Amino acid sequence: MNGRHEGRPPPRAVVLDTDGVLLDSATAHAAAWKTAFDACLIGRAPFDADAEYRRHVDGRSRYDGAEAFLASRGIRLPPGSPDDPPGCDTVWAVAARKEAVFREALASGAVVAFVDAEEALTALSALHVPCAAVSASRHARALLASTGLDRLLTVVVDGGDAARLALPGKPDPALFLHAAARLGTSPGDTAVVEDALAGVRAARR
């Protein structure tokens, strides 16, 4: 699914990351993570909402992102449970704090579609190239619907689907492979558009 070989025919389908490619949501995600992490980093250097967000969190599920960043700082927390309240005692608690802050950002209308996203999807639709949106976030489907981009997509695969089907997150390619299968195309005939390091690694596998 990497599209690195010259001379290939045009792709039969396109799989696009949602956050940072279709939706201008990275700033809201990074700010929410900073609030969650900094509350647990008393006496340590604060979370870098640019470099550390892209290196450890961007493109990953909430749990995987929290675990990856905490591990990078040498912080080992018990996993906890998905219903843990926001806090710093478990990985799930840190993820829950991020979720609470991000929901507040959503309520304030902080996430919008990129201006050229609709143009690109419309052009691909005119060429009869089916498109899928993929995201580790459980909010992706609702956000795409709120911006109207969902009407230009054939398939949406989000964090809810990943949990229901037990699909591992990026950099594992499972989400992309599932999207390609639902589009009815092989990985070799499918192009991937990504901005996150974890997603790029997944697309190249």
N, C-alpha and C. Protein backbone atom coordinates (compact mmCIF):
# COMPACT_ATOMS: atom_id res chain seq x y z
N MET A 1 0.82 -1.21 0.00
CA MET A 1 0.00 0.00 0.00
C MET A 1 0.86 1.26 0.00
N ASN A 2 2.14 1.13 -0.31
CA ASN A 2 3.01 2.29 -0.13
C ASN A 2 3.08 3.21 -1.33
N GLY A 3 2.79 2.71 -2.54
CA GLY A 3 2.80 3.58 -3.71
C GLY A 3 4.16 4.12 -4.07
N ARG A 4 5.24 3.42 -3.68
CA ARG A 4 6.57 3.96 -3.92
C ARG A 4 7.13 3.57 -5.28
N HIS A 5 6.51 2.62 -5.98
CA HIS A 5 7.07 2.12 -7.23
C HIS A 5 6.62 2.98 -8.41
N GLU A 6 7.60 3.40 -9.22
CA GLU A 6 7.30 4.21 -10.39
C GLU A 6 6.67 3.32 -11.46
N GLY A 7 5.86 3.94 -12.31
CA GLY A 7 5.26 3.20 -13.40
C GLY A 7 4.00 2.44 -13.04
N ARG A 8 3.56 2.57 -11.81
CA ARG A 8 2.33 1.88 -11.42
C ARG A 8 1.13 2.57 -12.04
N PRO A 9 0.06 1.82 -12.33
CA PRO A 9 -1.17 2.45 -12.80
C PRO A 9 -1.80 3.24 -11.65
N PRO A 10 -2.73 4.15 -11.96
CA PRO A 10 -3.39 4.92 -10.89
C PRO A 10 -4.07 3.98 -9.90
N PRO A 11 -4.19 4.38 -8.66
CA PRO A 11 -4.83 3.52 -7.66
C PRO A 11 -6.31 3.33 -7.96
N ARG A 12 -6.81 2.17 -7.58
CA ARG A 12 -8.24 1.89 -7.75
C ARG A 12 -9.06 2.42 -6.59
N ALA A 13 -8.38 2.74 -5.48
CA ALA A 13 -9.07 3.28 -4.30
C ALA A 13 -8.06 4.08 -3.48
N VAL A 14 -8.59 4.95 -2.62
CA VAL A 14 -7.73 5.78 -1.77
C VAL A 14 -8.23 5.69 -0.33
N VAL A 15 -7.29 5.45 0.57
CA VAL A 15 -7.58 5.44 2.01
C VAL A 15 -6.90 6.65 2.63
N LEU A 16 -7.66 7.47 3.32
CA LEU A 16 -7.13 8.71 3.89
C LEU A 16 -7.23 8.70 5.41
N ASP A 17 -6.16 9.14 6.05
CA ASP A 17 -6.23 9.38 7.49
C ASP A 17 -7.24 10.50 7.73
N THR A 18 -7.83 10.52 8.88
CA THR A 18 -8.84 11.53 9.18
C THR A 18 -8.25 12.76 9.85
N ASP A 19 -7.66 12.58 11.02
CA ASP A 19 -7.10 13.71 11.77
C ASP A 19 -5.82 14.19 11.11
N GLY A 20 -5.81 15.45 10.68
CA GLY A 20 -4.62 16.02 10.07
C GLY A 20 -4.60 15.91 8.56
N VAL A 21 -5.49 15.10 7.97
CA VAL A 21 -5.58 14.99 6.51
C VAL A 21 -6.92 15.53 6.03
N LEU A 22 -8.00 15.00 6.57
CA LEU A 22 -9.34 15.49 6.22
C LEU A 22 -9.84 16.54 7.20
N LEU A 23 -9.54 16.34 8.46
CA LEU A 23 -10.02 17.26 9.51
C LEU A 23 -8.87 18.01 10.16
N ASP A 24 -9.08 19.29 10.39
CA ASP A 24 -8.09 20.12 11.08
C ASP A 24 -8.29 19.95 12.58
N SER A 25 -7.89 18.78 13.06
CA SER A 25 -8.15 18.43 14.46
C SER A 25 -6.89 18.23 15.28
N ALA A 26 -5.72 18.27 14.64
CA ALA A 26 -4.48 17.98 15.34
C ALA A 26 -4.24 18.95 16.50
N THR A 27 -4.55 20.23 16.28
CA THR A 27 -4.32 21.22 17.34
C THR A 27 -5.16 20.90 18.57
N ALA A 28 -6.42 20.55 18.36
CA ALA A 28 -7.30 20.22 19.48
C ALA A 28 -6.84 18.95 20.18
N HIS A 29 -6.43 17.94 19.41
CA HIS A 29 -5.93 16.70 20.00
C HIS A 29 -4.67 16.98 20.82
N ALA A 30 -3.72 17.72 20.23
CA ALA A 30 -2.45 17.98 20.91
C ALA A 30 -2.67 18.78 22.20
N ALA A 31 -3.57 19.76 22.15
CA ALA A 31 -3.85 20.56 23.35
C ALA A 31 -4.48 19.71 24.45
N ALA A 32 -5.36 18.79 24.06
CA ALA A 32 -5.99 17.91 25.04
C ALA A 32 -4.97 16.98 25.67
N TRP A 33 -4.06 16.44 24.84
CA TRP A 33 -3.00 15.58 25.38
C TRP A 33 -2.09 16.37 26.31
N LYS A 34 -1.79 17.60 25.96
CA LYS A 34 -0.90 18.40 26.82
C LYS A 34 -1.52 18.61 28.19
N THR A 35 -2.81 18.92 28.23
CA THR A 35 -3.49 19.08 29.51
C THR A 35 -3.43 17.79 30.33
N ALA A 36 -3.69 16.66 29.66
CA ALA A 36 -3.69 15.37 30.35
C ALA A 36 -2.30 14.99 30.85
N PHE A 37 -1.30 15.13 30.00
CA PHE A 37 0.05 14.72 30.38
C PHE A 37 0.68 15.65 31.41
N ASP A 38 0.53 16.96 31.20
CA ASP A 38 1.18 17.91 32.12
C ASP A 38 0.68 17.75 33.54
N ALA A 39 -0.58 17.34 33.70
CA ALA A 39 -1.11 17.11 35.04
C ALA A 39 -0.39 15.96 35.74
N CYS A 40 0.25 15.09 34.95
CA CYS A 40 0.95 13.92 35.50
C CYS A 40 2.46 14.08 35.46
N LEU A 41 2.93 15.26 35.04
CA LEU A 41 4.37 15.48 34.89
C LEU A 41 4.90 16.51 35.88
N ILE A 42 4.30 16.59 37.05
CA ILE A 42 4.74 17.54 38.06
C ILE A 42 6.22 17.30 38.37
N GLY A 43 7.02 18.36 38.25
CA GLY A 43 8.45 18.23 38.50
C GLY A 43 9.24 17.73 37.31
N ARG A 44 8.57 17.49 36.20
CA ARG A 44 9.24 17.03 34.97
C ARG A 44 9.00 18.05 33.86
N ALA A 45 9.75 17.91 32.78
CA ALA A 45 9.55 18.78 31.62
C ALA A 45 8.14 18.56 31.07
N PRO A 46 7.45 19.64 30.70
CA PRO A 46 6.09 19.49 30.18
C PRO A 46 6.06 18.81 28.82
N PHE A 47 4.91 18.33 28.46
CA PHE A 47 4.70 17.68 27.17
C PHE A 47 4.86 18.68 26.04
N ASP A 48 5.64 18.33 25.03
CA ASP A 48 5.83 19.17 23.85
C ASP A 48 4.70 18.85 22.87
N ALA A 49 3.76 19.79 22.73
CA ALA A 49 2.57 19.54 21.93
C ALA A 49 2.85 19.49 20.44
N ASP A 50 4.08 19.73 20.04
CA ASP A 50 4.45 19.61 18.64
C ASP A 50 5.27 18.33 18.42
N ALA A 51 6.51 18.34 18.87
CA ALA A 51 7.41 17.22 18.60
C ALA A 51 6.96 15.92 19.25
N GLU A 52 6.62 15.97 20.54
CA GLU A 52 6.24 14.74 21.24
C GLU A 52 4.86 14.24 20.80
N TYR A 53 4.00 15.16 20.44
CA TYR A 53 2.70 14.74 19.93
C TYR A 53 2.87 13.92 18.67
N ARG A 54 3.67 14.41 17.73
CA ARG A 54 3.87 13.70 16.47
C ARG A 54 4.65 12.40 16.66
N ARG A 55 5.61 12.43 17.57
CA ARG A 55 6.48 11.26 17.74
C ARG A 55 5.77 10.11 18.44
N HIS A 56 4.97 10.42 19.44
CA HIS A 56 4.43 9.36 20.30
C HIS A 56 2.92 9.15 20.23
N VAL A 57 2.18 10.17 19.87
CA VAL A 57 0.72 10.12 20.05
C VAL A 57 -0.07 10.16 18.74
N ASP A 58 0.34 11.00 17.82
CA ASP A 58 -0.42 11.22 16.60
C ASP A 58 -0.67 9.91 15.84
N GLY A 59 -1.93 9.66 15.51
CA GLY A 59 -2.29 8.48 14.74
C GLY A 59 -2.57 7.24 15.57
N ARG A 60 -2.29 7.29 16.86
CA ARG A 60 -2.50 6.12 17.72
C ARG A 60 -3.83 6.23 18.47
N SER A 61 -4.29 5.12 18.98
CA SER A 61 -5.47 5.14 19.84
C SER A 61 -5.13 5.87 21.13
N ARG A 62 -6.14 6.28 21.88
CA ARG A 62 -5.87 7.00 23.13
C ARG A 62 -4.99 6.19 24.07
N TYR A 63 -5.32 4.93 24.25
CA TYR A 63 -4.53 4.10 25.17
C TYR A 63 -3.10 3.95 24.66
N ASP A 64 -2.95 3.60 23.38
CA ASP A 64 -1.61 3.39 22.84
C ASP A 64 -0.79 4.66 22.88
N GLY A 65 -1.43 5.81 22.60
CA GLY A 65 -0.72 7.07 22.63
C GLY A 65 -0.25 7.42 24.04
N ALA A 66 -1.15 7.25 25.01
CA ALA A 66 -0.78 7.53 26.40
C ALA A 66 0.35 6.62 26.85
N GLU A 67 0.24 5.35 26.55
CA GLU A 67 1.27 4.39 26.95
C GLU A 67 2.61 4.69 26.31
N ALA A 68 2.60 5.03 25.01
CA ALA A 68 3.85 5.30 24.29
C ALA A 68 4.55 6.54 24.85
N PHE A 69 3.79 7.61 25.09
CA PHE A 69 4.44 8.81 25.62
C PHE A 69 4.96 8.59 27.02
N LEU A 70 4.17 8.01 27.89
CA LEU A 70 4.61 7.78 29.26
C LEU A 70 5.86 6.91 29.28
N ALA A 71 5.91 5.89 28.43
CA ALA A 71 7.09 5.03 28.37
C ALA A 71 8.32 5.81 27.91
N SER A 72 8.11 6.79 27.01
CA SER A 72 9.24 7.59 26.52
C SER A 72 9.85 8.44 27.63
N ARG A 73 9.06 8.72 28.66
CA ARG A 73 9.55 9.49 29.81
C ARG A 73 9.94 8.58 30.97
N GLY A 74 9.93 7.28 30.74
CA GLY A 74 10.30 6.35 31.80
C GLY A 74 9.24 6.19 32.86
N ILE A 75 8.00 6.53 32.52
CA ILE A 75 6.88 6.42 33.47
C ILE A 75 6.10 5.15 33.17
N ARG A 76 6.07 4.24 34.12
CA ARG A 76 5.36 2.98 33.95
C ARG A 76 4.14 2.97 34.87
N LEU A 77 2.97 2.94 34.28
CA LEU A 77 1.73 2.90 35.05
C LEU A 77 1.00 1.59 34.75
N PRO A 78 0.21 1.10 35.69
CA PRO A 78 -0.62 -0.08 35.39
C PRO A 78 -1.63 0.29 34.31
N PRO A 79 -2.04 -0.67 33.50
CA PRO A 79 -3.00 -0.36 32.43
C PRO A 79 -4.31 0.22 32.94
N GLY A 80 -4.84 -0.35 34.01
CA GLY A 80 -6.12 0.10 34.50
C GLY A 80 -7.25 -0.44 33.65
N SER A 81 -8.38 0.26 33.67
CA SER A 81 -9.58 -0.19 32.96
C SER A 81 -10.15 0.95 32.12
N PRO A 82 -10.81 0.65 31.00
CA PRO A 82 -11.39 1.70 30.17
C PRO A 82 -12.38 2.60 30.89
N ASP A 83 -12.93 2.15 32.02
CA ASP A 83 -13.87 2.99 32.75
C ASP A 83 -13.22 3.75 33.91
N ASP A 84 -11.89 3.77 33.96
CA ASP A 84 -11.20 4.56 34.99
C ASP A 84 -11.53 6.04 34.83
N PRO A 85 -11.73 6.77 35.93
CA PRO A 85 -11.98 8.21 35.84
C PRO A 85 -10.69 8.94 35.47
N PRO A 86 -10.79 10.16 34.95
CA PRO A 86 -9.59 10.93 34.59
C PRO A 86 -8.63 11.07 35.77
N GLY A 87 -7.35 10.88 35.50
CA GLY A 87 -6.35 10.98 36.56
C GLY A 87 -4.98 10.59 36.06
N CYS A 88 -4.12 10.20 36.99
CA CYS A 88 -2.74 9.85 36.66
C CYS A 88 -2.32 8.49 37.22
N ASP A 89 -3.26 7.73 37.75
CA ASP A 89 -2.91 6.47 38.41
C ASP A 89 -2.73 5.30 37.45
N THR A 90 -3.40 5.36 36.29
CA THR A 90 -3.31 4.28 35.31
C THR A 90 -3.20 4.89 33.91
N VAL A 91 -2.81 4.06 32.95
CA VAL A 91 -2.76 4.54 31.56
C VAL A 91 -4.15 4.94 31.09
N TRP A 92 -5.15 4.15 31.42
CA TRP A 92 -6.52 4.48 31.02
C TRP A 92 -7.00 5.77 31.68
N ALA A 93 -6.55 6.05 32.90
CA ALA A 93 -6.95 7.28 33.58
C ALA A 93 -6.39 8.50 32.86
N VAL A 94 -5.14 8.41 32.41
CA VAL A 94 -4.53 9.50 31.64
C VAL A 94 -5.30 9.70 30.33
N ALA A 95 -5.60 8.58 29.66
CA ALA A 95 -6.36 8.65 28.41
C ALA A 95 -7.75 9.24 28.64
N ALA A 96 -8.35 8.93 29.78
CA ALA A 96 -9.67 9.46 30.10
C ALA A 96 -9.64 10.97 30.29
N ARG A 97 -8.55 11.48 30.89
CA ARG A 97 -8.44 12.94 31.06
C ARG A 97 -8.35 13.61 29.69
N LYS A 98 -7.56 13.01 28.80
CA LYS A 98 -7.46 13.56 27.44
C LYS A 98 -8.82 13.58 26.78
N GLU A 99 -9.57 12.49 26.91
CA GLU A 99 -10.89 12.37 26.29
C GLU A 99 -11.83 13.45 26.80
N ALA A 100 -11.80 13.71 28.10
CA ALA A 100 -12.69 14.72 28.68
C ALA A 100 -12.38 16.11 28.14
N VAL A 101 -11.09 16.42 28.05
CA VAL A 101 -10.68 17.74 27.54
C VAL A 101 -11.03 17.86 26.06
N PHE A 102 -10.81 16.79 25.29
CA PHE A 102 -11.10 16.84 23.86
C PHE A 102 -12.59 17.00 23.60
N ARG A 103 -13.42 16.36 24.42
CA ARG A 103 -14.87 16.51 24.26
C ARG A 103 -15.29 17.96 24.45
N GLU A 104 -14.64 18.66 25.38
CA GLU A 104 -14.94 20.07 25.59
C GLU A 104 -14.58 20.88 24.34
N ALA A 105 -13.45 20.52 23.71
CA ALA A 105 -13.03 21.21 22.49
C ALA A 105 -14.03 20.96 21.36
N LEU A 106 -14.53 19.73 21.27
CA LEU A 106 -15.52 19.42 20.24
C LEU A 106 -16.79 20.25 20.43
N ALA A 107 -17.20 20.38 21.67
CA ALA A 107 -18.42 21.12 21.97
C ALA A 107 -18.29 22.59 21.58
N SER A 108 -17.06 23.10 21.59
CA SER A 108 -16.83 24.50 21.24
C SER A 108 -16.61 24.71 19.75
N GLY A 109 -16.71 23.63 18.96
CA GLY A 109 -16.53 23.74 17.51
C GLY A 109 -15.10 23.89 17.08
N ALA A 110 -14.17 23.32 17.83
CA ALA A 110 -12.74 23.50 17.54
C ALA A 110 -12.25 22.67 16.36
N VAL A 111 -13.03 21.71 15.90
CA VAL A 111 -12.59 20.83 14.81
C VAL A 111 -13.40 21.11 13.55
N VAL A 112 -12.69 21.41 12.45
CA VAL A 112 -13.34 21.68 11.16
C VAL A 112 -12.63 20.89 10.07
N ALA A 113 -13.24 20.82 8.90
CA ALA A 113 -12.61 20.14 7.76
C ALA A 113 -11.62 21.09 7.09
N PHE A 114 -10.54 20.54 6.56
CA PHE A 114 -9.63 21.34 5.75
C PHE A 114 -10.36 21.81 4.50
N VAL A 115 -10.06 23.02 4.06
CA VAL A 115 -10.76 23.61 2.92
C VAL A 115 -10.63 22.75 1.67
N ASP A 116 -9.43 22.21 1.44
CA ASP A 116 -9.22 21.45 0.21
C ASP A 116 -9.62 19.98 0.31
N ALA A 117 -10.04 19.53 1.50
CA ALA A 117 -10.41 18.13 1.66
C ALA A 117 -11.64 17.78 0.82
N GLU A 118 -12.66 18.63 0.87
CA GLU A 118 -13.86 18.37 0.09
C GLU A 118 -13.56 18.41 -1.41
N GLU A 119 -12.69 19.35 -1.82
CA GLU A 119 -12.33 19.44 -3.24
C GLU A 119 -11.65 18.16 -3.71
N ALA A 120 -10.72 17.64 -2.90
CA ALA A 120 -10.00 16.43 -3.27
C ALA A 120 -10.94 15.23 -3.35
N LEU A 121 -11.81 15.09 -2.35
CA LEU A 121 -12.74 13.96 -2.34
C LEU A 121 -13.74 14.05 -3.49
N THR A 122 -14.16 15.27 -3.82
CA THR A 122 -15.08 15.46 -4.94
C THR A 122 -14.42 15.07 -6.25
N ALA A 123 -13.16 15.46 -6.42
CA ALA A 123 -12.42 15.12 -7.64
C ALA A 123 -12.24 13.62 -7.78
N LEU A 124 -11.92 12.94 -6.68
CA LEU A 124 -11.76 11.49 -6.72
C LEU A 124 -13.08 10.80 -7.03
N SER A 125 -14.16 11.34 -6.48
CA SER A 125 -15.49 10.77 -6.75
C SER A 125 -15.83 10.90 -8.23
N ALA A 126 -15.48 12.04 -8.83
CA ALA A 126 -15.74 12.25 -10.26
C ALA A 126 -14.97 11.26 -11.12
N LEU A 127 -13.84 10.80 -10.62
CA LEU A 127 -13.02 9.82 -11.33
C LEU A 127 -13.44 8.39 -11.00
N HIS A 128 -14.49 8.26 -10.19
CA HIS A 128 -15.01 6.96 -9.76
C HIS A 128 -13.97 6.16 -8.97
N VAL A 129 -13.21 6.90 -8.15
CA VAL A 129 -12.23 6.28 -7.25
C VAL A 129 -12.83 6.28 -5.85
N PRO A 130 -13.22 5.15 -5.31
CA PRO A 130 -13.82 5.12 -3.97
C PRO A 130 -12.80 5.48 -2.90
N CYS A 131 -13.27 6.14 -1.86
CA CYS A 131 -12.38 6.60 -0.79
C CYS A 131 -12.87 6.12 0.58
N ALA A 132 -11.91 5.88 1.44
CA ALA A 132 -12.21 5.50 2.82
C ALA A 132 -11.47 6.43 3.76
N ALA A 133 -12.09 6.77 4.87
CA ALA A 133 -11.43 7.53 5.93
C ALA A 133 -11.12 6.57 7.07
N VAL A 134 -9.91 6.66 7.59
CA VAL A 134 -9.48 5.78 8.67
C VAL A 134 -9.01 6.63 9.84
N SER A 135 -9.37 6.23 11.04
CA SER A 135 -8.94 6.95 12.24
C SER A 135 -8.94 6.03 13.44
N ALA A 136 -8.00 6.27 14.35
CA ALA A 136 -7.99 5.52 15.61
C ALA A 136 -8.98 6.12 16.60
N SER A 137 -9.53 7.29 16.27
CA SER A 137 -10.45 7.98 17.17
C SER A 137 -11.87 7.47 17.04
N ARG A 138 -12.55 7.34 18.17
CA ARG A 138 -13.96 6.95 18.16
C ARG A 138 -14.85 8.12 17.73
N HIS A 139 -14.29 9.32 17.65
CA HIS A 139 -15.08 10.49 17.27
C HIS A 139 -15.11 10.71 15.77
N ALA A 140 -14.30 9.99 15.01
CA ALA A 140 -14.11 10.28 13.59
C ALA A 140 -15.41 10.27 12.80
N ARG A 141 -16.22 9.25 13.00
CA ARG A 141 -17.46 9.13 12.20
C ARG A 141 -18.38 10.33 12.43
N ALA A 142 -18.55 10.71 13.68
CA ALA A 142 -19.42 11.85 13.99
C ALA A 142 -18.85 13.15 13.46
N LEU A 143 -17.53 13.32 13.55
CA LEU A 143 -16.91 14.54 13.07
C LEU A 143 -17.01 14.65 11.55
N LEU A 144 -16.79 13.55 10.86
CA LEU A 144 -16.92 13.57 9.40
C LEU A 144 -18.35 13.91 8.98
N ALA A 145 -19.31 13.39 9.73
CA ALA A 145 -20.71 13.70 9.43
C ALA A 145 -21.02 15.17 9.69
N SER A 146 -20.44 15.72 10.75
CA SER A 146 -20.72 17.12 11.11
C SER A 146 -20.15 18.09 10.08
N THR A 147 -19.09 17.68 9.37
CA THR A 147 -18.49 18.54 8.35
C THR A 147 -19.04 18.26 6.95
N GLY A 148 -19.83 17.21 6.81
CA GLY A 148 -20.40 16.86 5.51
C GLY A 148 -19.50 16.02 4.63
N LEU A 149 -18.30 15.70 5.11
CA LEU A 149 -17.38 14.92 4.29
C LEU A 149 -17.81 13.46 4.16
N ASP A 150 -18.62 13.00 5.09
CA ASP A 150 -19.04 11.59 5.05
C ASP A 150 -19.78 11.23 3.77
N ARG A 151 -20.46 12.21 3.16
CA ARG A 151 -21.23 11.93 1.94
C ARG A 151 -20.32 11.64 0.75
N LEU A 152 -19.04 11.99 0.86
CA LEU A 152 -18.09 11.77 -0.23
C LEU A 152 -17.22 10.54 0.01
N LEU A 153 -17.50 9.83 1.09
CA LEU A 153 -16.71 8.66 1.45
C LEU A 153 -17.52 7.38 1.28
N THR A 154 -16.88 6.36 0.77
CA THR A 154 -17.54 5.07 0.62
C THR A 154 -17.51 4.28 1.92
N VAL A 155 -16.42 4.45 2.67
CA VAL A 155 -16.19 3.67 3.89
C VAL A 155 -15.57 4.57 4.95
N VAL A 156 -15.97 4.38 6.20
CA VAL A 156 -15.31 5.01 7.35
C VAL A 156 -14.95 3.91 8.34
N VAL A 157 -13.68 3.88 8.73
CA VAL A 157 -13.21 2.93 9.75
C VAL A 157 -12.66 3.76 10.90
N ASP A 158 -13.26 3.65 12.08
CA ASP A 158 -12.81 4.47 13.20
C ASP A 158 -12.45 3.61 14.41
N GLY A 159 -12.17 4.29 15.52
CA GLY A 159 -11.76 3.58 16.72
C GLY A 159 -12.80 2.61 17.24
N GLY A 160 -14.07 2.92 17.02
CA GLY A 160 -15.12 2.00 17.42
C GLY A 160 -15.05 0.69 16.66
N ASP A 161 -14.79 0.79 15.36
CA ASP A 161 -14.63 -0.42 14.55
C ASP A 161 -13.41 -1.21 15.00
N ALA A 162 -12.32 -0.49 15.29
CA ALA A 162 -11.09 -1.16 15.73
C ALA A 162 -11.32 -1.95 17.00
N ALA A 163 -12.05 -1.35 17.95
CA ALA A 163 -12.33 -2.04 19.21
C ALA A 163 -13.26 -3.23 19.00
N ARG A 164 -14.28 -3.05 18.17
CA ARG A 164 -15.26 -4.12 17.93
C ARG A 164 -14.63 -5.32 17.23
N LEU A 165 -13.69 -5.03 16.31
CA LEU A 165 -13.07 -6.09 15.52
C LEU A 165 -11.71 -6.52 16.06
N ALA A 166 -11.31 -5.90 17.20
CA ALA A 166 -10.01 -6.20 17.81
C ALA A 166 -8.86 -5.97 16.83
N LEU A 167 -8.93 -4.86 16.10
CA LEU A 167 -7.87 -4.52 15.15
C LEU A 167 -6.80 -3.71 15.87
N PRO A 168 -5.53 -4.10 15.77
CA PRO A 168 -4.47 -3.32 16.40
C PRO A 168 -4.32 -1.96 15.72
N GLY A 169 -3.84 -0.98 16.49
CA GLY A 169 -3.68 0.36 15.95
C GLY A 169 -2.39 0.53 15.17
N LYS A 170 -2.26 1.70 14.55
CA LYS A 170 -1.04 2.03 13.84
C LYS A 170 0.14 2.04 14.83
N PRO A 171 1.32 1.61 14.40
CA PRO A 171 1.81 1.39 13.04
C PRO A 171 1.46 0.04 12.43
N ASP A 172 0.65 -0.77 13.09
CA ASP A 172 0.16 -1.99 12.44
C ASP A 172 -0.77 -1.57 11.29
N PRO A 173 -0.71 -2.22 10.14
CA PRO A 173 -1.53 -1.81 8.99
C PRO A 173 -2.96 -2.33 9.02
N ALA A 174 -3.40 -2.95 10.11
CA ALA A 174 -4.71 -3.61 10.15
C ALA A 174 -5.86 -2.68 9.76
N LEU A 175 -5.86 -1.44 10.24
CA LEU A 175 -6.95 -0.52 9.91
C LEU A 175 -7.00 -0.23 8.42
N PHE A 176 -5.83 -0.02 7.81
CA PHE A 176 -5.77 0.25 6.38
C PHE A 176 -6.21 -0.98 5.57
N LEU A 177 -5.74 -2.15 5.99
CA LEU A 177 -6.10 -3.37 5.28
C LEU A 177 -7.60 -3.64 5.37
N HIS A 178 -8.18 -3.36 6.53
CA HIS A 178 -9.63 -3.53 6.69
C HIS A 178 -10.38 -2.56 5.79
N ALA A 179 -9.91 -1.32 5.71
CA ALA A 179 -10.56 -0.33 4.85
C ALA A 179 -10.48 -0.75 3.39
N ALA A 180 -9.30 -1.21 2.96
CA ALA A 180 -9.14 -1.65 1.57
C ALA A 180 -10.06 -2.82 1.26
N ALA A 181 -10.17 -3.75 2.20
CA ALA A 181 -11.05 -4.90 1.99
C ALA A 181 -12.50 -4.47 1.84
N ARG A 182 -12.92 -3.51 2.65
CA ARG A 182 -14.30 -3.03 2.56
C ARG A 182 -14.54 -2.25 1.27
N LEU A 183 -13.48 -1.64 0.73
CA LEU A 183 -13.59 -0.95 -0.55
C LEU A 183 -13.57 -1.93 -1.72
N GLY A 184 -13.19 -3.17 -1.44
CA GLY A 184 -13.13 -4.18 -2.48
C GLY A 184 -11.88 -4.12 -3.33
N THR A 185 -10.80 -3.56 -2.79
CA THR A 185 -9.54 -3.46 -3.54
C THR A 185 -8.42 -4.15 -2.78
N SER A 186 -7.40 -4.54 -3.51
CA SER A 186 -6.23 -5.15 -2.88
C SER A 186 -5.33 -4.06 -2.34
N PRO A 187 -4.47 -4.36 -1.36
CA PRO A 187 -3.55 -3.35 -0.84
C PRO A 187 -2.68 -2.73 -1.93
N GLY A 188 -2.24 -3.54 -2.90
CA GLY A 188 -1.39 -3.02 -3.95
C GLY A 188 -2.07 -2.04 -4.88
N ASP A 189 -3.40 -2.06 -4.92
CA ASP A 189 -4.17 -1.15 -5.77
C ASP A 189 -4.74 0.03 -4.99
N THR A 190 -4.31 0.17 -3.74
CA THR A 190 -4.87 1.19 -2.86
C THR A 190 -3.80 2.19 -2.43
N ALA A 191 -4.07 3.47 -2.63
CA ALA A 191 -3.16 4.53 -2.18
C ALA A 191 -3.56 4.96 -0.78
N VAL A 192 -2.57 5.37 0.01
CA VAL A 192 -2.82 5.84 1.37
C VAL A 192 -2.30 7.27 1.50
N VAL A 193 -3.12 8.14 2.10
CA VAL A 193 -2.73 9.52 2.37
C VAL A 193 -2.66 9.67 3.88
N GLU A 194 -1.48 9.97 4.39
CA GLU A 194 -1.23 10.03 5.84
C GLU A 194 -0.34 11.21 6.19
N ASP A 195 -0.48 11.68 7.44
CA ASP A 195 0.43 12.72 7.94
C ASP A 195 1.15 12.29 9.20
N ALA A 196 0.67 11.25 9.88
CA ALA A 196 1.27 10.81 11.14
C ALA A 196 2.36 9.78 10.89
N LEU A 197 3.42 9.84 11.68
CA LEU A 197 4.53 8.91 11.52
C LEU A 197 4.07 7.46 11.66
N ALA A 198 3.23 7.21 12.66
CA ALA A 198 2.73 5.85 12.86
C ALA A 198 1.92 5.39 11.66
N GLY A 199 1.17 6.30 11.06
CA GLY A 199 0.37 5.96 9.90
C GLY A 199 1.21 5.70 8.66
N VAL A 200 2.26 6.49 8.49
CA VAL A 200 3.16 6.28 7.35
C VAL A 200 3.83 4.91 7.46
N ARG A 201 4.25 4.56 8.67
CA ARG A 201 4.86 3.24 8.86
C ARG A 201 3.85 2.13 8.53
N ALA A 202 2.61 2.33 8.95
CA ALA A 202 1.58 1.33 8.67
C ALA A 202 1.34 1.18 7.17
N ALA A 203 1.31 2.31 6.45
CA ALA A 203 1.04 2.27 5.01
C ALA A 203 2.16 1.59 4.24
N ARG A 204 3.36 1.63 4.77
CA ARG A 204 4.51 1.05 4.07
C ARG A 204 4.67 -0.44 4.32
N ARG A 205 3.91 -0.98 5.24
CA ARG A 205 4.06 -2.39 5.58
C ARG A 205 3.25 -3.29 4.65
